[in-house]
N, C-alpha and C. Protein backbone atom coordinates (compact mmCIF):
# COMPACT_ATOMS: atom_id res chain seq x y z
N MET A 1 3.46 -15.13 27.68
CA MET A 1 3.32 -13.89 26.92
C MET A 1 4.53 -13.74 26.00
N ALA A 2 4.29 -13.23 24.82
CA ALA A 2 5.37 -12.99 23.87
C ALA A 2 6.38 -12.01 24.47
N ARG A 3 7.64 -12.20 24.13
CA ARG A 3 8.72 -11.39 24.72
C ARG A 3 8.65 -9.91 24.33
N ARG A 4 8.11 -9.60 23.15
CA ARG A 4 8.13 -8.20 22.71
C ARG A 4 7.33 -7.30 23.65
N TYR A 5 6.34 -7.85 24.34
CA TYR A 5 5.51 -7.04 25.23
C TYR A 5 6.25 -6.59 26.48
N ASP A 6 7.33 -7.28 26.84
CA ASP A 6 8.14 -6.85 27.99
C ASP A 6 8.69 -5.44 27.77
N GLN A 7 8.87 -5.06 26.51
CA GLN A 7 9.40 -3.73 26.20
C GLN A 7 8.42 -2.61 26.57
N LEU A 8 7.16 -2.95 26.78
CA LEU A 8 6.18 -1.94 27.20
C LEU A 8 6.56 -1.31 28.54
N ILE A 9 7.23 -2.08 29.39
CA ILE A 9 7.64 -1.54 30.70
C ILE A 9 8.56 -0.35 30.51
N ASP A 10 9.54 -0.49 29.62
CA ASP A 10 10.47 0.62 29.36
C ASP A 10 9.76 1.82 28.76
N ILE A 11 8.80 1.57 27.89
CA ILE A 11 8.04 2.67 27.27
C ILE A 11 7.23 3.41 28.32
N VAL A 12 6.56 2.67 29.20
CA VAL A 12 5.79 3.31 30.27
C VAL A 12 6.72 4.08 31.20
N ARG A 13 7.86 3.51 31.50
CA ARG A 13 8.83 4.18 32.37
C ARG A 13 9.25 5.52 31.76
N GLU A 14 9.44 5.56 30.45
CA GLU A 14 9.84 6.81 29.79
C GLU A 14 8.68 7.80 29.69
N ALA A 15 7.50 7.31 29.36
CA ALA A 15 6.34 8.19 29.15
C ALA A 15 5.70 8.65 30.46
N LYS A 16 5.76 7.83 31.50
CA LYS A 16 5.12 8.11 32.80
C LYS A 16 3.69 8.63 32.62
N PRO A 17 2.84 7.86 31.96
CA PRO A 17 1.49 8.34 31.64
C PRO A 17 0.55 8.35 32.85
N THR A 18 -0.38 9.29 32.81
CA THR A 18 -1.49 9.25 33.77
C THR A 18 -2.74 8.71 33.08
N ARG A 19 -2.78 8.81 31.74
CA ARG A 19 -3.92 8.31 30.96
C ARG A 19 -3.41 7.34 29.91
N ILE A 20 -3.85 6.09 30.03
CA ILE A 20 -3.44 5.04 29.10
C ILE A 20 -4.67 4.56 28.34
N ALA A 21 -4.51 4.36 27.05
CA ALA A 21 -5.57 3.75 26.24
C ALA A 21 -4.98 2.56 25.51
N GLU A 22 -5.81 1.54 25.35
CA GLU A 22 -5.37 0.34 24.65
C GLU A 22 -6.46 -0.07 23.67
N ILE A 23 -6.08 -0.27 22.45
CA ILE A 23 -7.00 -0.74 21.42
C ILE A 23 -6.67 -2.21 21.18
N GLY A 24 -7.57 -3.07 21.62
CA GLY A 24 -7.32 -4.50 21.58
C GLY A 24 -6.91 -5.00 22.95
N VAL A 25 -7.84 -5.08 23.87
CA VAL A 25 -7.57 -5.45 25.26
C VAL A 25 -7.27 -6.95 25.39
N HIS A 26 -7.95 -7.75 24.64
CA HIS A 26 -7.88 -9.20 24.63
C HIS A 26 -8.23 -9.78 25.99
N LYS A 27 -7.25 -10.13 26.82
CA LYS A 27 -7.53 -10.68 28.15
C LYS A 27 -6.95 -9.83 29.26
N GLY A 28 -6.48 -8.63 28.90
CA GLY A 28 -6.02 -7.68 29.89
C GLY A 28 -4.59 -7.84 30.37
N LEU A 29 -3.82 -8.70 29.74
CA LEU A 29 -2.43 -8.89 30.19
C LEU A 29 -1.59 -7.62 30.02
N ARG A 30 -1.63 -7.02 28.83
CA ARG A 30 -0.86 -5.80 28.60
C ARG A 30 -1.45 -4.62 29.37
N ALA A 31 -2.77 -4.59 29.52
CA ALA A 31 -3.41 -3.53 30.31
C ALA A 31 -2.86 -3.52 31.72
N ALA A 32 -2.86 -4.68 32.37
CA ALA A 32 -2.37 -4.77 33.74
C ALA A 32 -0.89 -4.42 33.82
N LEU A 33 -0.10 -4.91 32.86
CA LEU A 33 1.33 -4.63 32.83
C LEU A 33 1.58 -3.12 32.76
N MET A 34 0.92 -2.44 31.82
CA MET A 34 1.13 -1.00 31.64
C MET A 34 0.64 -0.21 32.84
N CYS A 35 -0.54 -0.55 33.35
CA CYS A 35 -1.11 0.21 34.47
C CYS A 35 -0.30 0.04 35.74
N ARG A 36 0.12 -1.18 36.04
CA ARG A 36 0.96 -1.40 37.23
C ARG A 36 2.26 -0.62 37.14
N GLU A 37 2.87 -0.61 35.96
CA GLU A 37 4.12 0.13 35.80
C GLU A 37 3.87 1.63 35.94
N ALA A 38 2.81 2.15 35.34
CA ALA A 38 2.51 3.58 35.42
C ALA A 38 2.26 4.02 36.85
N LEU A 39 1.67 3.15 37.64
CA LEU A 39 1.38 3.50 39.05
C LEU A 39 2.65 3.58 39.90
N LYS A 40 3.78 3.17 39.38
CA LYS A 40 5.05 3.37 40.08
C LYS A 40 5.49 4.82 40.02
N TYR A 41 4.95 5.57 39.04
CA TYR A 41 5.36 6.96 38.81
C TYR A 41 4.25 7.96 39.07
N ARG A 42 3.02 7.48 39.13
CA ARG A 42 1.85 8.35 39.31
C ARG A 42 0.99 7.81 40.45
N GLU A 43 0.39 8.74 41.20
CA GLU A 43 -0.49 8.31 42.29
C GLU A 43 -1.77 7.68 41.77
N ARG A 44 -2.26 8.19 40.65
CA ARG A 44 -3.49 7.68 40.05
C ARG A 44 -3.28 7.54 38.54
N VAL A 45 -3.89 6.53 37.98
CA VAL A 45 -3.82 6.29 36.54
C VAL A 45 -5.22 5.98 36.04
N THR A 46 -5.52 6.49 34.84
CA THR A 46 -6.79 6.21 34.18
C THR A 46 -6.50 5.36 32.95
N TYR A 47 -7.33 4.35 32.75
CA TYR A 47 -7.15 3.44 31.62
C TYR A 47 -8.48 3.28 30.90
N VAL A 48 -8.42 3.31 29.56
CA VAL A 48 -9.59 2.96 28.76
C VAL A 48 -9.15 1.91 27.75
N GLY A 49 -9.91 0.83 27.70
CA GLY A 49 -9.61 -0.25 26.79
C GLY A 49 -10.72 -0.45 25.79
N LEU A 50 -10.38 -0.54 24.53
CA LEU A 50 -11.36 -0.72 23.45
C LEU A 50 -11.18 -2.10 22.84
N ASP A 51 -12.26 -2.86 22.74
CA ASP A 51 -12.18 -4.20 22.18
C ASP A 51 -13.56 -4.64 21.73
N VAL A 52 -13.59 -5.56 20.79
CA VAL A 52 -14.88 -6.13 20.35
C VAL A 52 -15.37 -7.19 21.34
N PHE A 53 -14.47 -7.73 22.15
CA PHE A 53 -14.78 -8.80 23.10
C PHE A 53 -15.64 -9.87 22.43
N ASP A 54 -16.83 -10.14 22.96
CA ASP A 54 -17.65 -11.24 22.44
C ASP A 54 -18.64 -10.80 21.36
N LEU A 55 -18.51 -9.59 20.86
CA LEU A 55 -19.45 -9.09 19.86
C LEU A 55 -19.18 -9.65 18.46
N LYS A 56 -17.99 -10.16 18.22
CA LYS A 56 -17.62 -10.63 16.89
C LYS A 56 -17.29 -12.12 16.94
N ASP A 57 -17.48 -12.77 15.79
CA ASP A 57 -17.24 -14.21 15.70
C ASP A 57 -15.81 -14.50 15.24
N GLN A 58 -15.51 -15.78 15.15
CA GLN A 58 -14.16 -16.20 14.75
C GLN A 58 -13.80 -15.70 13.36
N GLN A 59 -14.76 -15.61 12.46
CA GLN A 59 -14.47 -15.12 11.11
C GLN A 59 -13.95 -13.68 11.14
N PHE A 60 -14.55 -12.84 11.98
CA PHE A 60 -14.07 -11.46 12.14
C PHE A 60 -12.60 -11.48 12.58
N HIS A 61 -12.30 -12.30 13.59
CA HIS A 61 -10.93 -12.35 14.12
C HIS A 61 -9.96 -12.90 13.08
N ASP A 62 -10.39 -13.85 12.27
CA ASP A 62 -9.55 -14.36 11.19
C ASP A 62 -9.28 -13.25 10.17
N ASP A 63 -10.32 -12.53 9.78
CA ASP A 63 -10.17 -11.43 8.81
C ASP A 63 -9.27 -10.32 9.36
N ALA A 64 -9.36 -10.09 10.67
CA ALA A 64 -8.57 -9.04 11.32
C ALA A 64 -7.15 -9.51 11.65
N LEU A 65 -6.83 -10.75 11.32
CA LEU A 65 -5.53 -11.37 11.57
C LEU A 65 -5.19 -11.39 13.06
N ASN A 66 -6.21 -11.58 13.88
CA ASN A 66 -6.01 -11.69 15.33
C ASN A 66 -5.69 -13.15 15.65
N GLY A 67 -4.47 -13.41 16.06
CA GLY A 67 -4.04 -14.78 16.26
C GLY A 67 -3.95 -15.24 17.70
N LYS A 68 -4.44 -14.45 18.64
CA LYS A 68 -4.30 -14.81 20.05
C LYS A 68 -5.51 -15.57 20.59
N GLY A 69 -6.48 -15.85 19.75
CA GLY A 69 -7.69 -16.48 20.24
C GLY A 69 -8.74 -15.45 20.61
N MET A 70 -9.88 -15.93 21.03
CA MET A 70 -10.99 -15.02 21.35
C MET A 70 -10.69 -14.21 22.61
N PRO A 71 -11.04 -12.93 22.62
CA PRO A 71 -10.82 -12.09 23.80
C PRO A 71 -11.79 -12.46 24.92
N SER A 72 -11.43 -12.09 26.14
CA SER A 72 -12.28 -12.37 27.30
C SER A 72 -12.43 -11.12 28.14
N GLU A 73 -13.61 -10.52 28.09
CA GLU A 73 -13.88 -9.33 28.90
C GLU A 73 -13.78 -9.65 30.38
N ASP A 74 -14.25 -10.82 30.79
CA ASP A 74 -14.21 -11.19 32.21
C ASP A 74 -12.78 -11.29 32.72
N GLN A 75 -11.91 -11.92 31.97
CA GLN A 75 -10.51 -12.02 32.40
C GLN A 75 -9.86 -10.64 32.47
N ALA A 76 -10.12 -9.82 31.47
CA ALA A 76 -9.55 -8.47 31.46
C ALA A 76 -10.08 -7.66 32.65
N ARG A 77 -11.35 -7.76 32.91
CA ARG A 77 -11.96 -7.03 34.03
C ARG A 77 -11.30 -7.44 35.36
N ARG A 78 -11.15 -8.73 35.57
CA ARG A 78 -10.55 -9.21 36.82
C ARG A 78 -9.11 -8.71 36.98
N ARG A 79 -8.37 -8.72 35.90
CA ARG A 79 -6.97 -8.25 35.99
C ARG A 79 -6.91 -6.78 36.40
N LEU A 80 -7.81 -5.97 35.88
CA LEU A 80 -7.79 -4.55 36.23
C LEU A 80 -8.35 -4.30 37.63
N GLU A 81 -9.38 -5.04 38.01
CA GLU A 81 -9.93 -4.90 39.36
C GLU A 81 -8.89 -5.25 40.42
N ASP A 82 -8.01 -6.19 40.12
CA ASP A 82 -6.98 -6.61 41.08
C ASP A 82 -5.94 -5.53 41.36
N ILE A 83 -5.85 -4.53 40.50
CA ILE A 83 -4.85 -3.49 40.68
C ILE A 83 -5.20 -2.57 41.85
N GLY A 84 -6.46 -2.31 42.07
CA GLY A 84 -6.87 -1.51 43.22
C GLY A 84 -7.38 -0.13 42.86
N PRO A 85 -7.68 0.65 43.91
CA PRO A 85 -8.39 1.93 43.72
C PRO A 85 -7.58 3.05 43.08
N ALA A 86 -6.27 2.92 42.98
CA ALA A 86 -5.47 3.96 42.33
C ALA A 86 -5.67 3.96 40.82
N LEU A 87 -6.30 2.91 40.30
CA LEU A 87 -6.57 2.81 38.87
C LEU A 87 -8.06 3.00 38.61
N THR A 88 -8.38 3.97 37.77
CA THR A 88 -9.73 4.16 37.28
C THR A 88 -9.75 3.64 35.85
N TRP A 89 -10.73 2.80 35.52
CA TRP A 89 -10.70 2.19 34.20
C TRP A 89 -12.11 1.99 33.65
N GLN A 90 -12.14 1.81 32.33
CA GLN A 90 -13.40 1.50 31.64
C GLN A 90 -13.10 0.78 30.34
N PHE A 91 -14.07 0.03 29.87
CA PHE A 91 -13.99 -0.61 28.57
C PHE A 91 -14.99 0.04 27.63
N VAL A 92 -14.59 0.18 26.38
CA VAL A 92 -15.49 0.60 25.31
C VAL A 92 -15.60 -0.62 24.40
N LYS A 93 -16.79 -1.19 24.38
CA LYS A 93 -17.00 -2.45 23.69
C LYS A 93 -17.56 -2.19 22.29
N GLY A 94 -16.88 -2.74 21.28
CA GLY A 94 -17.34 -2.59 19.91
C GLY A 94 -16.17 -2.47 18.95
N ASP A 95 -16.48 -2.45 17.69
CA ASP A 95 -15.51 -2.29 16.62
C ASP A 95 -15.07 -0.82 16.61
N THR A 96 -13.77 -0.57 16.64
CA THR A 96 -13.30 0.82 16.70
C THR A 96 -13.70 1.64 15.48
N ARG A 97 -14.04 0.98 14.37
CA ARG A 97 -14.54 1.73 13.22
C ARG A 97 -15.85 2.42 13.57
N GLU A 98 -16.56 1.89 14.57
CA GLU A 98 -17.83 2.48 15.02
C GLU A 98 -17.70 3.24 16.33
N THR A 99 -16.78 2.81 17.21
CA THR A 99 -16.69 3.43 18.54
C THR A 99 -15.61 4.49 18.67
N LEU A 100 -14.67 4.56 17.71
CA LEU A 100 -13.53 5.46 17.85
C LEU A 100 -13.26 6.33 16.63
N HIS A 101 -13.30 5.75 15.45
CA HIS A 101 -12.90 6.49 14.25
C HIS A 101 -13.75 7.75 14.08
N GLY A 102 -13.08 8.82 13.72
CA GLY A 102 -13.75 10.11 13.56
C GLY A 102 -13.83 10.91 14.85
N GLN A 103 -13.33 10.34 15.93
CA GLN A 103 -13.32 11.01 17.23
C GLN A 103 -11.87 11.21 17.67
N THR A 104 -11.70 11.87 18.80
CA THR A 104 -10.38 12.05 19.39
C THR A 104 -10.38 11.43 20.77
N LEU A 105 -9.45 10.55 21.02
CA LEU A 105 -9.30 9.92 22.33
C LEU A 105 -8.11 10.55 23.01
N ASP A 106 -8.33 11.12 24.19
CA ASP A 106 -7.30 11.83 24.94
C ASP A 106 -6.55 10.83 25.83
N ALA A 107 -5.26 10.67 25.58
CA ALA A 107 -4.43 9.78 26.38
C ALA A 107 -2.97 10.23 26.26
N ASP A 108 -2.17 9.83 27.24
CA ASP A 108 -0.73 10.10 27.18
C ASP A 108 0.00 9.00 26.42
N LEU A 109 -0.46 7.76 26.66
CA LEU A 109 0.14 6.58 26.05
C LEU A 109 -0.97 5.72 25.47
N VAL A 110 -0.80 5.30 24.23
CA VAL A 110 -1.79 4.44 23.56
C VAL A 110 -1.06 3.23 23.01
N PHE A 111 -1.65 2.06 23.24
CA PHE A 111 -1.13 0.82 22.66
C PHE A 111 -2.17 0.30 21.68
N ILE A 112 -1.79 0.21 20.41
CA ILE A 112 -2.69 -0.26 19.36
C ILE A 112 -2.35 -1.70 19.01
N ASP A 113 -3.27 -2.59 19.37
CA ASP A 113 -3.09 -4.01 19.08
C ASP A 113 -4.47 -4.67 18.92
N GLY A 114 -5.31 -4.04 18.11
CA GLY A 114 -6.65 -4.56 17.89
C GLY A 114 -6.73 -5.24 16.53
N ASP A 115 -7.58 -4.73 15.70
CA ASP A 115 -7.76 -5.22 14.33
C ASP A 115 -6.45 -4.96 13.58
N HIS A 116 -5.92 -5.95 12.89
CA HIS A 116 -4.63 -5.82 12.24
C HIS A 116 -4.72 -5.43 10.77
N ARG A 117 -5.90 -5.06 10.31
CA ARG A 117 -6.03 -4.58 8.94
C ARG A 117 -5.52 -3.14 8.89
N LEU A 118 -4.71 -2.85 7.88
CA LEU A 118 -4.04 -1.56 7.78
C LEU A 118 -5.01 -0.39 7.85
N GLU A 119 -6.14 -0.47 7.14
CA GLU A 119 -7.05 0.68 7.14
C GLU A 119 -7.66 0.91 8.51
N VAL A 120 -7.83 -0.15 9.30
CA VAL A 120 -8.37 0.01 10.67
C VAL A 120 -7.29 0.59 11.58
N ILE A 121 -6.07 0.09 11.45
CA ILE A 121 -4.95 0.64 12.25
C ILE A 121 -4.79 2.13 11.95
N ARG A 122 -4.88 2.50 10.68
CA ARG A 122 -4.75 3.91 10.30
C ARG A 122 -5.85 4.76 10.95
N GLY A 123 -7.08 4.26 10.92
CA GLY A 123 -8.19 4.98 11.56
C GLY A 123 -8.03 5.07 13.06
N ASP A 124 -7.53 3.99 13.68
CA ASP A 124 -7.26 4.02 15.13
C ASP A 124 -6.22 5.10 15.44
N TYR A 125 -5.14 5.12 14.67
CA TYR A 125 -4.08 6.10 14.90
C TYR A 125 -4.59 7.53 14.74
N GLU A 126 -5.39 7.78 13.73
CA GLU A 126 -5.91 9.13 13.51
C GLU A 126 -6.68 9.63 14.74
N SER A 127 -7.32 8.73 15.46
CA SER A 127 -8.10 9.12 16.63
C SER A 127 -7.26 9.31 17.89
N VAL A 128 -6.02 8.82 17.89
CA VAL A 128 -5.20 8.89 19.10
C VAL A 128 -3.87 9.61 18.88
N LYS A 129 -3.68 10.19 17.71
CA LYS A 129 -2.37 10.76 17.38
C LYS A 129 -1.99 11.97 18.22
N GLY A 130 -2.89 12.43 19.06
CA GLY A 130 -2.56 13.51 19.99
C GLY A 130 -1.83 13.02 21.23
N ALA A 131 -1.70 11.72 21.40
CA ALA A 131 -1.02 11.15 22.56
C ALA A 131 0.48 11.42 22.49
N LYS A 132 1.11 11.52 23.63
CA LYS A 132 2.56 11.71 23.69
C LYS A 132 3.27 10.54 23.04
N CYS A 133 2.73 9.34 23.24
CA CYS A 133 3.38 8.14 22.74
C CYS A 133 2.32 7.17 22.23
N VAL A 134 2.52 6.66 21.02
CA VAL A 134 1.63 5.63 20.46
C VAL A 134 2.50 4.42 20.12
N VAL A 135 2.12 3.28 20.68
CA VAL A 135 2.85 2.03 20.45
C VAL A 135 1.98 1.16 19.56
N PHE A 136 2.56 0.66 18.50
CA PHE A 136 1.87 -0.23 17.57
C PHE A 136 2.43 -1.64 17.75
N ASP A 137 1.56 -2.62 17.85
CA ASP A 137 2.01 -3.99 17.74
C ASP A 137 1.93 -4.36 16.26
N ASP A 138 2.55 -5.44 15.92
CA ASP A 138 2.42 -6.02 14.59
C ASP A 138 3.06 -5.19 13.48
N TYR A 139 4.26 -4.71 13.79
CA TYR A 139 5.16 -4.26 12.74
C TYR A 139 5.88 -5.54 12.33
N TYR A 140 5.67 -5.98 11.10
CA TYR A 140 6.15 -7.30 10.68
C TYR A 140 7.55 -7.23 10.09
N ALA A 141 8.44 -8.02 10.67
CA ALA A 141 9.82 -8.09 10.20
C ALA A 141 9.87 -8.81 8.86
N LYS A 142 10.69 -8.31 7.98
CA LYS A 142 10.88 -8.98 6.69
C LYS A 142 11.95 -10.05 6.87
N LEU A 143 11.72 -11.16 6.26
CA LEU A 143 12.63 -12.29 6.38
C LEU A 143 13.62 -12.29 5.22
N VAL A 144 14.31 -13.37 5.02
CA VAL A 144 15.32 -13.49 3.97
C VAL A 144 14.75 -13.06 2.62
N GLY A 145 15.49 -12.25 1.91
CA GLY A 145 15.07 -11.81 0.59
C GLY A 145 13.91 -10.83 0.62
N ASP A 146 13.77 -10.08 1.72
CA ASP A 146 12.72 -9.08 1.84
C ASP A 146 11.31 -9.70 1.83
N HIS A 147 11.22 -10.97 2.20
CA HIS A 147 9.94 -11.68 2.21
C HIS A 147 9.24 -11.52 3.55
N CYS A 148 7.93 -11.40 3.51
CA CYS A 148 7.10 -11.39 4.71
C CYS A 148 5.85 -12.21 4.39
N PRO A 149 5.49 -13.17 5.26
CA PRO A 149 4.32 -14.01 4.99
C PRO A 149 2.99 -13.27 5.12
N VAL A 150 3.01 -12.02 5.52
CA VAL A 150 1.80 -11.21 5.65
C VAL A 150 1.78 -10.19 4.53
N ASP A 151 0.62 -9.96 3.94
CA ASP A 151 0.46 -8.95 2.90
C ASP A 151 0.48 -7.57 3.57
N LEU A 152 1.61 -6.88 3.47
CA LEU A 152 1.80 -5.61 4.17
C LEU A 152 0.96 -4.48 3.58
N ASP A 153 0.36 -4.68 2.43
CA ASP A 153 -0.55 -3.68 1.89
C ASP A 153 -1.93 -3.80 2.53
N ARG A 154 -2.18 -4.89 3.24
CA ARG A 154 -3.48 -5.13 3.87
C ARG A 154 -3.41 -5.23 5.38
N HIS A 155 -2.31 -5.76 5.92
CA HIS A 155 -2.22 -6.04 7.35
C HIS A 155 -0.95 -5.46 7.96
N GLY A 156 -1.02 -5.22 9.25
CA GLY A 156 0.13 -4.70 9.98
C GLY A 156 0.27 -3.20 9.83
N CYS A 157 1.17 -2.65 10.62
CA CYS A 157 1.35 -1.19 10.64
C CYS A 157 2.55 -0.72 9.83
N ASN A 158 3.24 -1.61 9.11
CA ASN A 158 4.47 -1.24 8.41
C ASN A 158 4.30 -0.04 7.50
N ARG A 159 3.27 -0.03 6.67
CA ARG A 159 3.08 1.07 5.72
C ARG A 159 2.86 2.40 6.45
N LEU A 160 2.06 2.37 7.51
CA LEU A 160 1.80 3.58 8.29
C LEU A 160 3.08 4.06 8.97
N ILE A 161 3.82 3.15 9.54
CA ILE A 161 5.08 3.52 10.21
C ILE A 161 6.05 4.14 9.20
N ASP A 162 6.15 3.56 8.01
CA ASP A 162 7.01 4.13 6.97
C ASP A 162 6.58 5.55 6.61
N GLU A 163 5.27 5.78 6.53
CA GLU A 163 4.76 7.13 6.23
C GLU A 163 5.11 8.11 7.34
N LEU A 164 4.95 7.68 8.59
CA LEU A 164 5.25 8.56 9.72
C LEU A 164 6.74 8.89 9.77
N LYS A 165 7.57 7.92 9.46
CA LYS A 165 9.02 8.17 9.40
C LYS A 165 9.32 9.21 8.33
N SER A 166 8.69 9.07 7.16
CA SER A 166 8.96 9.99 6.05
C SER A 166 8.48 11.40 6.36
N GLU A 167 7.51 11.52 7.29
CA GLU A 167 7.04 12.83 7.73
C GLU A 167 7.94 13.45 8.79
N GLY A 168 8.97 12.70 9.21
CA GLY A 168 9.90 13.22 10.20
C GLY A 168 9.52 12.92 11.64
N ARG A 169 8.55 12.07 11.85
CA ARG A 169 8.16 11.69 13.22
C ARG A 169 9.28 10.90 13.87
N ARG A 170 9.36 10.99 15.19
CA ARG A 170 10.31 10.16 15.94
C ARG A 170 9.70 8.77 16.07
N VAL A 171 10.27 7.82 15.35
CA VAL A 171 9.76 6.46 15.29
C VAL A 171 10.87 5.48 15.65
N GLU A 172 10.53 4.51 16.49
CA GLU A 172 11.47 3.45 16.84
C GLU A 172 10.79 2.11 16.59
N VAL A 173 11.45 1.24 15.86
CA VAL A 173 11.00 -0.14 15.74
C VAL A 173 11.88 -0.92 16.72
N LEU A 174 11.24 -1.51 17.73
CA LEU A 174 11.99 -2.17 18.79
C LEU A 174 12.51 -3.53 18.33
N SER A 175 13.57 -3.98 18.97
CA SER A 175 14.35 -5.10 18.44
C SER A 175 13.73 -6.48 18.63
N ILE A 176 12.97 -6.72 19.67
CA ILE A 176 12.49 -8.07 19.93
C ILE A 176 11.34 -8.41 18.98
N ALA A 177 11.47 -9.55 18.32
CA ALA A 177 10.44 -10.03 17.38
C ALA A 177 9.97 -11.41 17.82
N ASP A 178 8.66 -11.60 17.82
CA ASP A 178 8.07 -12.88 18.19
C ASP A 178 7.37 -13.47 16.97
N ARG A 179 7.48 -14.78 16.84
CA ARG A 179 6.81 -15.46 15.73
C ARG A 179 5.32 -15.61 16.05
N CYS A 180 4.49 -15.24 15.09
CA CYS A 180 3.04 -15.29 15.25
C CYS A 180 2.49 -16.56 14.60
N VAL A 181 1.22 -16.84 14.85
CA VAL A 181 0.60 -18.05 14.30
C VAL A 181 0.57 -18.05 12.78
N HIS A 182 0.60 -16.89 12.15
CA HIS A 182 0.60 -16.80 10.69
C HIS A 182 2.01 -16.79 10.11
N GLU A 183 3.01 -17.17 10.94
CA GLU A 183 4.40 -17.36 10.53
C GLU A 183 5.20 -16.07 10.37
N ALA A 184 4.59 -14.92 10.55
CA ALA A 184 5.33 -13.67 10.49
C ALA A 184 5.95 -13.40 11.86
N TYR A 185 6.96 -12.54 11.88
CA TYR A 185 7.58 -12.11 13.13
C TYR A 185 7.13 -10.68 13.41
N ALA A 186 6.54 -10.47 14.58
CA ALA A 186 5.98 -9.17 14.93
C ALA A 186 6.89 -8.44 15.92
N GLN A 187 7.00 -7.15 15.71
CA GLN A 187 7.76 -6.26 16.58
C GLN A 187 6.85 -5.11 17.01
N LEU A 188 7.27 -4.38 18.04
CA LEU A 188 6.58 -3.16 18.43
C LEU A 188 7.23 -1.98 17.71
N ALA A 189 6.41 -1.01 17.32
CA ALA A 189 6.90 0.24 16.74
C ALA A 189 6.33 1.36 17.61
N VAL A 190 7.18 2.31 17.95
CA VAL A 190 6.79 3.39 18.87
C VAL A 190 6.91 4.72 18.14
N VAL A 191 5.86 5.53 18.25
CA VAL A 191 5.86 6.87 17.67
C VAL A 191 5.72 7.86 18.83
N TRP A 192 6.69 8.75 18.94
CA TRP A 192 6.67 9.77 20.00
C TRP A 192 6.23 11.10 19.40
N HIS A 193 5.27 11.74 20.04
CA HIS A 193 4.80 13.07 19.63
C HIS A 193 5.19 14.03 20.75
N GLU A 194 6.15 14.86 20.50
CA GLU A 194 6.61 15.75 21.57
C GLU A 194 6.57 17.18 21.16
């Protein structure tokens, strides 16, 4: 697993959520990590994971700049089932433009790591911005000379994070950056709503 995801433990420790939502479950690695950590502080935790799973083809994932390979609902399900009865969970299967946008998802902590197109990330955020804490993956670090191999007007959360900062939101871009298959370096960005 990429090193930047280890920082989720500290975020969960600070937020102590009872309701966790994740957009982009993939194989359930981050879901299990966050839920296990939350259960150290809460007797019961509820998790909802949103993902396209096997509904979309490789072209969709290429367009969405998803570089981790095809998601696996079965692997994610097994990881959550292994946690035990203190965790209540469910998956919402489908494209969040159809299953989430225009609605409000109630959660304490949300991790957004699904479709990496800016307009989709923006729509995901609008549906979860009531959460105490929203963590974005794929804040792309700029390299030498302000260069980034990803078109930041189309992909990643950089533009949205910059807007939230300018609005006075409490935003942290975390320090650990991992190199992605598309040659960009991704970091986590955290927005706290208090």
